[in-house]
Amino acid sequence: MWDSSVFKGPLKPILEKLGGIPVDRKANKDIVTQMVDLFKRNERFNLVIAPEATRAKNGEDRKPIRTGFWHIAKAANVPIILMYANARTKQGGILGKIYPTDLQKDLEQIKALYAEYDIDVKIN
């Protein structure tokens, strides 16, 4: 899922080959609705989102995790697969899978799953 403005010039064929999907942030439909529509139209579809709140650099304060991923999964009736990637150790993996039911409870479960791997996820 990339802003549609990135799908121009030399990056366009690379992003398309990787399965990138241009997202029109100016469209009448919000991004959640656009993603739910893609799930409905495709028998096999995976959406990978790196939450903004997990990518803070140089010790800067991280914002609370945004919840668009949860709303997409809930509306599309698909699970959320929790993963991590550590650039410093060059390790990553899958932490678990949850089916969205209740936003606050699910966020607490996500925070707890990440905490088991010493990854702090900031939530409201």
N, C-alpha and C. Protein backbone atom coordinates (compact mmCIF):
# COMPACT_ATOMS: atom_id res chain seq x y z
N MET A 1 0.86 -1.16 0.00
CA MET A 1 0.00 0.00 0.00
C MET A 1 0.90 1.22 0.00
N TRP A 2 0.90 1.93 -1.08
CA TRP A 2 1.76 3.10 -1.24
C TRP A 2 0.91 4.26 -1.72
N ASP A 3 1.29 5.45 -1.35
CA ASP A 3 0.62 6.62 -1.89
C ASP A 3 0.76 6.58 -3.41
N SER A 4 -0.31 6.86 -4.12
CA SER A 4 -0.32 6.73 -5.58
C SER A 4 0.72 7.61 -6.25
N SER A 5 1.17 8.66 -5.58
CA SER A 5 2.17 9.54 -6.18
C SER A 5 3.51 8.84 -6.37
N VAL A 6 3.76 7.76 -5.63
CA VAL A 6 5.01 7.01 -5.75
C VAL A 6 5.03 6.16 -7.02
N PHE A 7 3.85 5.84 -7.56
CA PHE A 7 3.74 4.98 -8.73
C PHE A 7 3.92 5.78 -10.02
N LYS A 8 5.02 6.51 -10.08
CA LYS A 8 5.37 7.29 -11.26
C LYS A 8 6.86 7.09 -11.51
N GLY A 9 7.26 7.29 -12.73
CA GLY A 9 8.68 7.21 -13.06
C GLY A 9 9.25 5.81 -12.90
N PRO A 10 10.54 5.73 -12.56
CA PRO A 10 11.23 4.43 -12.55
C PRO A 10 10.77 3.49 -11.43
N LEU A 11 10.16 4.01 -10.38
CA LEU A 11 9.70 3.14 -9.29
C LEU A 11 8.44 2.36 -9.64
N LYS A 12 7.65 2.86 -10.58
CA LYS A 12 6.37 2.23 -10.88
C LYS A 12 6.49 0.75 -11.22
N PRO A 13 7.34 0.33 -12.19
CA PRO A 13 7.40 -1.09 -12.50
C PRO A 13 7.95 -1.94 -11.36
N ILE A 14 8.84 -1.39 -10.57
CA ILE A 14 9.41 -2.13 -9.44
C ILE A 14 8.33 -2.37 -8.40
N LEU A 15 7.59 -1.33 -8.05
CA LEU A 15 6.53 -1.47 -7.05
C LEU A 15 5.43 -2.41 -7.52
N GLU A 16 5.09 -2.33 -8.81
CA GLU A 16 4.06 -3.22 -9.35
C GLU A 16 4.54 -4.67 -9.33
N LYS A 17 5.80 -4.91 -9.66
CA LYS A 17 6.36 -6.26 -9.66
C LYS A 17 6.34 -6.86 -8.24
N LEU A 18 6.53 -5.99 -7.25
CA LEU A 18 6.51 -6.43 -5.86
C LEU A 18 5.08 -6.60 -5.33
N GLY A 19 4.10 -6.26 -6.16
CA GLY A 19 2.70 -6.38 -5.73
C GLY A 19 2.18 -5.15 -5.03
N GLY A 20 2.90 -4.05 -5.17
CA GLY A 20 2.47 -2.80 -4.54
C GLY A 20 1.14 -2.32 -5.07
N ILE A 21 0.39 -1.69 -4.22
CA ILE A 21 -0.93 -1.18 -4.58
C ILE A 21 -0.94 0.32 -4.35
N PRO A 22 -1.22 1.09 -5.41
CA PRO A 22 -1.30 2.53 -5.20
C PRO A 22 -2.58 2.91 -4.45
N VAL A 23 -2.44 3.74 -3.46
CA VAL A 23 -3.59 4.20 -2.68
C VAL A 23 -3.79 5.68 -2.95
N ASP A 24 -4.99 6.02 -3.39
CA ASP A 24 -5.32 7.41 -3.67
C ASP A 24 -5.86 8.05 -2.40
N ARG A 25 -4.99 8.76 -1.70
CA ARG A 25 -5.38 9.37 -0.44
C ARG A 25 -6.36 10.53 -0.63
N LYS A 26 -6.53 10.98 -1.85
CA LYS A 26 -7.45 12.08 -2.13
C LYS A 26 -8.80 11.59 -2.63
N ALA A 27 -8.95 10.28 -2.77
CA ALA A 27 -10.20 9.71 -3.28
C ALA A 27 -11.33 9.92 -2.28
N ASN A 28 -12.55 9.83 -2.77
CA ASN A 28 -13.71 9.99 -1.90
C ASN A 28 -13.77 8.90 -0.83
N LYS A 29 -13.27 7.71 -1.17
CA LYS A 29 -13.27 6.61 -0.21
C LYS A 29 -12.06 6.76 0.71
N ASP A 30 -12.26 6.47 1.98
CA ASP A 30 -11.12 6.49 2.88
C ASP A 30 -10.27 5.24 2.64
N ILE A 31 -9.07 5.23 3.17
CA ILE A 31 -8.13 4.13 2.93
C ILE A 31 -8.66 2.81 3.48
N VAL A 32 -9.32 2.85 4.63
CA VAL A 32 -9.88 1.61 5.18
C VAL A 32 -10.85 0.99 4.18
N THR A 33 -11.74 1.80 3.63
CA THR A 33 -12.72 1.30 2.65
C THR A 33 -12.02 0.78 1.40
N GLN A 34 -10.99 1.48 0.93
CA GLN A 34 -10.24 1.02 -0.25
C GLN A 34 -9.62 -0.35 0.01
N MET A 35 -9.04 -0.55 1.18
CA MET A 35 -8.40 -1.82 1.49
C MET A 35 -9.43 -2.94 1.65
N VAL A 36 -10.55 -2.65 2.30
CA VAL A 36 -11.61 -3.66 2.45
C VAL A 36 -12.11 -4.08 1.08
N ASP A 37 -12.27 -3.12 0.16
CA ASP A 37 -12.69 -3.44 -1.21
C ASP A 37 -11.69 -4.37 -1.89
N LEU A 38 -10.40 -4.15 -1.67
CA LEU A 38 -9.38 -5.02 -2.26
C LEU A 38 -9.47 -6.44 -1.70
N PHE A 39 -9.72 -6.57 -0.41
CA PHE A 39 -9.88 -7.90 0.18
C PHE A 39 -11.09 -8.60 -0.44
N LYS A 40 -12.16 -7.88 -0.64
CA LYS A 40 -13.38 -8.47 -1.20
C LYS A 40 -13.20 -8.90 -2.66
N ARG A 41 -12.39 -8.15 -3.42
CA ARG A 41 -12.21 -8.43 -4.85
C ARG A 41 -11.17 -9.50 -5.13
N ASN A 42 -10.35 -9.85 -4.16
CA ASN A 42 -9.25 -10.79 -4.38
C ASN A 42 -9.38 -12.00 -3.47
N GLU A 43 -9.36 -13.18 -4.08
CA GLU A 43 -9.44 -14.41 -3.30
C GLU A 43 -8.23 -14.55 -2.38
N ARG A 44 -7.07 -14.18 -2.89
CA ARG A 44 -5.83 -14.22 -2.10
C ARG A 44 -5.25 -12.81 -2.08
N PHE A 45 -5.16 -12.27 -0.89
CA PHE A 45 -4.67 -10.91 -0.75
C PHE A 45 -4.02 -10.76 0.62
N ASN A 46 -2.82 -10.22 0.64
CA ASN A 46 -2.12 -9.94 1.89
C ASN A 46 -1.80 -8.46 1.93
N LEU A 47 -2.05 -7.85 3.05
CA LEU A 47 -1.76 -6.45 3.23
C LEU A 47 -0.73 -6.32 4.34
N VAL A 48 0.40 -5.72 4.04
CA VAL A 48 1.46 -5.54 5.02
C VAL A 48 1.54 -4.06 5.36
N ILE A 49 1.46 -3.76 6.64
CA ILE A 49 1.53 -2.37 7.10
C ILE A 49 2.58 -2.29 8.20
N ALA A 50 3.51 -1.38 8.06
CA ALA A 50 4.47 -1.12 9.13
C ALA A 50 3.92 0.08 9.90
N PRO A 51 3.38 -0.15 11.08
CA PRO A 51 2.78 0.96 11.84
C PRO A 51 3.78 2.07 12.10
N GLU A 52 3.36 3.28 11.86
CA GLU A 52 4.22 4.45 12.02
C GLU A 52 4.82 4.51 13.42
N ALA A 53 4.05 4.14 14.41
CA ALA A 53 4.50 4.26 15.79
C ALA A 53 5.67 3.34 16.11
N THR A 54 5.94 2.35 15.28
CA THR A 54 7.01 1.40 15.57
C THR A 54 8.33 1.80 14.92
N ARG A 55 8.36 2.89 14.17
CA ARG A 55 9.54 3.20 13.39
C ARG A 55 10.29 4.43 13.88
N ALA A 56 10.15 4.81 15.14
CA ALA A 56 10.85 5.98 15.65
C ALA A 56 12.36 5.73 15.63
N LYS A 57 13.11 6.77 15.33
CA LYS A 57 14.56 6.64 15.23
C LYS A 57 15.25 7.51 16.27
N ASN A 58 16.45 7.13 16.61
CA ASN A 58 17.32 7.92 17.47
C ASN A 58 16.68 8.31 18.80
N GLY A 59 15.88 7.43 19.37
CA GLY A 59 15.30 7.68 20.68
C GLY A 59 14.21 8.73 20.72
N GLU A 60 13.76 9.20 19.56
CA GLU A 60 12.71 10.21 19.58
C GLU A 60 11.43 9.60 20.14
N ASP A 61 10.60 10.44 20.72
CA ASP A 61 9.34 9.96 21.28
C ASP A 61 8.47 9.35 20.20
N ARG A 62 7.98 8.17 20.48
CA ARG A 62 7.08 7.51 19.54
C ARG A 62 5.65 7.91 19.84
N LYS A 63 4.88 8.02 18.81
CA LYS A 63 3.46 8.32 18.94
C LYS A 63 2.74 7.02 19.27
N PRO A 64 1.55 7.12 19.85
CA PRO A 64 0.77 5.89 20.06
C PRO A 64 0.46 5.24 18.71
N ILE A 65 0.36 3.92 18.73
CA ILE A 65 0.10 3.18 17.51
C ILE A 65 -1.23 3.64 16.90
N ARG A 66 -1.23 3.79 15.60
CA ARG A 66 -2.46 4.16 14.89
C ARG A 66 -3.28 2.90 14.64
N THR A 67 -4.56 3.04 14.49
CA THR A 67 -5.43 1.88 14.48
C THR A 67 -6.07 1.55 13.14
N GLY A 68 -5.62 2.16 12.06
CA GLY A 68 -6.19 1.87 10.74
C GLY A 68 -6.10 0.40 10.39
N PHE A 69 -4.98 -0.25 10.73
CA PHE A 69 -4.81 -1.68 10.43
C PHE A 69 -5.91 -2.50 11.08
N TRP A 70 -6.29 -2.13 12.31
CA TRP A 70 -7.31 -2.87 13.04
C TRP A 70 -8.67 -2.70 12.36
N HIS A 71 -8.98 -1.47 11.97
CA HIS A 71 -10.26 -1.20 11.31
C HIS A 71 -10.36 -1.92 9.96
N ILE A 72 -9.25 -1.99 9.23
CA ILE A 72 -9.24 -2.72 7.96
C ILE A 72 -9.52 -4.20 8.22
N ALA A 73 -8.78 -4.79 9.16
CA ALA A 73 -8.94 -6.22 9.44
C ALA A 73 -10.35 -6.53 9.94
N LYS A 74 -10.88 -5.70 10.80
CA LYS A 74 -12.23 -5.92 11.34
C LYS A 74 -13.27 -5.86 10.22
N ALA A 75 -13.20 -4.82 9.39
CA ALA A 75 -14.19 -4.65 8.32
C ALA A 75 -14.06 -5.72 7.24
N ALA A 76 -12.84 -6.18 6.99
CA ALA A 76 -12.61 -7.21 5.96
C ALA A 76 -12.76 -8.62 6.51
N ASN A 77 -12.93 -8.73 7.83
CA ASN A 77 -13.06 -10.03 8.50
C ASN A 77 -11.85 -10.92 8.23
N VAL A 78 -10.66 -10.35 8.46
CA VAL A 78 -9.40 -11.09 8.28
C VAL A 78 -8.56 -10.95 9.55
N PRO A 79 -7.64 -11.89 9.77
CA PRO A 79 -6.81 -11.81 10.97
C PRO A 79 -5.70 -10.77 10.82
N ILE A 80 -5.17 -10.39 11.96
CA ILE A 80 -4.00 -9.52 12.02
C ILE A 80 -2.83 -10.42 12.41
N ILE A 81 -1.81 -10.46 11.57
CA ILE A 81 -0.60 -11.22 11.86
C ILE A 81 0.43 -10.23 12.40
N LEU A 82 0.88 -10.47 13.59
CA LEU A 82 1.82 -9.55 14.23
C LEU A 82 3.25 -10.03 13.97
N MET A 83 4.04 -9.14 13.39
CA MET A 83 5.41 -9.47 13.03
C MET A 83 6.34 -8.42 13.60
N TYR A 84 7.62 -8.72 13.56
CA TYR A 84 8.62 -7.72 13.95
C TYR A 84 9.85 -7.88 13.06
N ALA A 85 10.58 -6.80 12.95
CA ALA A 85 11.86 -6.80 12.25
C ALA A 85 12.81 -5.91 13.04
N ASN A 86 13.99 -6.41 13.32
CA ASN A 86 14.98 -5.66 14.06
C ASN A 86 16.17 -5.41 13.13
N ALA A 87 16.31 -4.18 12.69
CA ALA A 87 17.39 -3.84 11.76
C ALA A 87 18.77 -4.04 12.39
N ARG A 88 18.88 -3.76 13.67
CA ARG A 88 20.17 -3.87 14.35
C ARG A 88 20.64 -5.32 14.40
N THR A 89 19.75 -6.24 14.77
CA THR A 89 20.13 -7.64 14.88
C THR A 89 19.88 -8.43 13.60
N LYS A 90 19.20 -7.79 12.66
CA LYS A 90 18.84 -8.43 11.39
C LYS A 90 18.01 -9.70 11.62
N GLN A 91 17.12 -9.61 12.61
CA GLN A 91 16.23 -10.72 12.92
C GLN A 91 14.78 -10.24 12.82
N GLY A 92 13.91 -11.17 12.61
CA GLY A 92 12.49 -10.86 12.57
C GLY A 92 11.69 -12.13 12.73
N GLY A 93 10.40 -11.96 12.80
CA GLY A 93 9.57 -13.14 12.94
C GLY A 93 8.11 -12.78 13.11
N ILE A 94 7.33 -13.82 13.32
CA ILE A 94 5.90 -13.68 13.55
C ILE A 94 5.64 -13.88 15.04
N LEU A 95 4.91 -12.93 15.64
CA LEU A 95 4.63 -13.00 17.07
C LEU A 95 3.30 -13.67 17.38
N GLY A 96 2.37 -13.57 16.47
CA GLY A 96 1.07 -14.17 16.72
C GLY A 96 0.04 -13.68 15.73
N LYS A 97 -1.18 -14.19 15.92
CA LYS A 97 -2.29 -13.84 15.05
C LYS A 97 -3.50 -13.58 15.92
N ILE A 98 -4.20 -12.48 15.63
CA ILE A 98 -5.44 -12.22 16.36
C ILE A 98 -6.53 -11.85 15.36
N TYR A 99 -7.76 -12.21 15.72
CA TYR A 99 -8.92 -11.78 14.95
C TYR A 99 -9.52 -10.60 15.69
N PRO A 100 -9.66 -9.48 15.02
CA PRO A 100 -10.15 -8.28 15.71
C PRO A 100 -11.58 -8.43 16.20
N THR A 101 -11.78 -8.09 17.47
CA THR A 101 -13.11 -8.15 18.07
C THR A 101 -13.44 -6.86 18.79
N ASP A 102 -12.57 -6.45 19.68
CA ASP A 102 -12.77 -5.24 20.48
C ASP A 102 -11.47 -4.43 20.44
N LEU A 103 -11.55 -3.21 19.96
CA LEU A 103 -10.34 -2.41 19.72
C LEU A 103 -9.45 -2.32 20.94
N GLN A 104 -9.96 -1.89 22.07
CA GLN A 104 -9.11 -1.69 23.25
C GLN A 104 -8.52 -3.01 23.74
N LYS A 105 -9.32 -4.06 23.79
CA LYS A 105 -8.81 -5.36 24.24
C LYS A 105 -7.76 -5.89 23.28
N ASP A 106 -8.01 -5.73 21.99
CA ASP A 106 -7.05 -6.20 20.99
C ASP A 106 -5.74 -5.42 21.07
N LEU A 107 -5.81 -4.13 21.29
CA LEU A 107 -4.58 -3.33 21.43
C LEU A 107 -3.78 -3.76 22.65
N GLU A 108 -4.48 -4.07 23.73
CA GLU A 108 -3.79 -4.57 24.93
C GLU A 108 -3.13 -5.92 24.65
N GLN A 109 -3.82 -6.79 23.90
CA GLN A 109 -3.26 -8.09 23.54
C GLN A 109 -2.04 -7.91 22.64
N ILE A 110 -2.11 -6.99 21.70
CA ILE A 110 -0.98 -6.70 20.82
C ILE A 110 0.20 -6.21 21.64
N LYS A 111 -0.05 -5.28 22.54
CA LYS A 111 1.01 -4.76 23.39
C LYS A 111 1.65 -5.88 24.21
N ALA A 112 0.84 -6.78 24.76
CA ALA A 112 1.36 -7.89 25.56
C ALA A 112 2.19 -8.85 24.72
N LEU A 113 1.73 -9.16 23.51
CA LEU A 113 2.50 -10.06 22.64
C LEU A 113 3.86 -9.48 22.29
N TYR A 114 3.89 -8.19 21.98
CA TYR A 114 5.17 -7.55 21.67
C TYR A 114 6.06 -7.46 22.92
N ALA A 115 5.46 -7.23 24.07
CA ALA A 115 6.23 -7.12 25.31
C ALA A 115 6.98 -8.41 25.62
N GLU A 116 6.41 -9.55 25.21
CA GLU A 116 7.09 -10.84 25.42
C GLU A 116 8.45 -10.88 24.71
N TYR A 117 8.62 -10.04 23.71
CA TYR A 117 9.88 -9.97 22.94
C TYR A 117 10.61 -8.67 23.22
N ASP A 118 10.31 -8.04 24.35
CA ASP A 118 10.92 -6.77 24.76
C ASP A 118 10.74 -5.68 23.73
N ILE A 119 9.59 -5.67 23.08
CA ILE A 119 9.26 -4.61 22.12
C ILE A 119 8.13 -3.80 22.73
N ASP A 120 8.40 -2.52 22.95
CA ASP A 120 7.41 -1.66 23.58
C ASP A 120 6.54 -1.02 22.51
N VAL A 121 5.25 -1.29 22.58
CA VAL A 121 4.28 -0.69 21.66
C VAL A 121 3.48 0.32 22.47
N LYS A 122 3.55 1.55 22.06
CA LYS A 122 2.85 2.61 22.77
C LYS A 122 1.41 2.70 22.27
N ILE A 123 0.46 2.58 23.20
CA ILE A 123 -0.95 2.73 22.84
C ILE A 123 -1.56 3.77 23.77
N ASN A 124 -2.71 4.28 23.37
CA ASN A 124 -3.39 5.28 24.23
C ASN A 124 -3.95 4.64 25.47
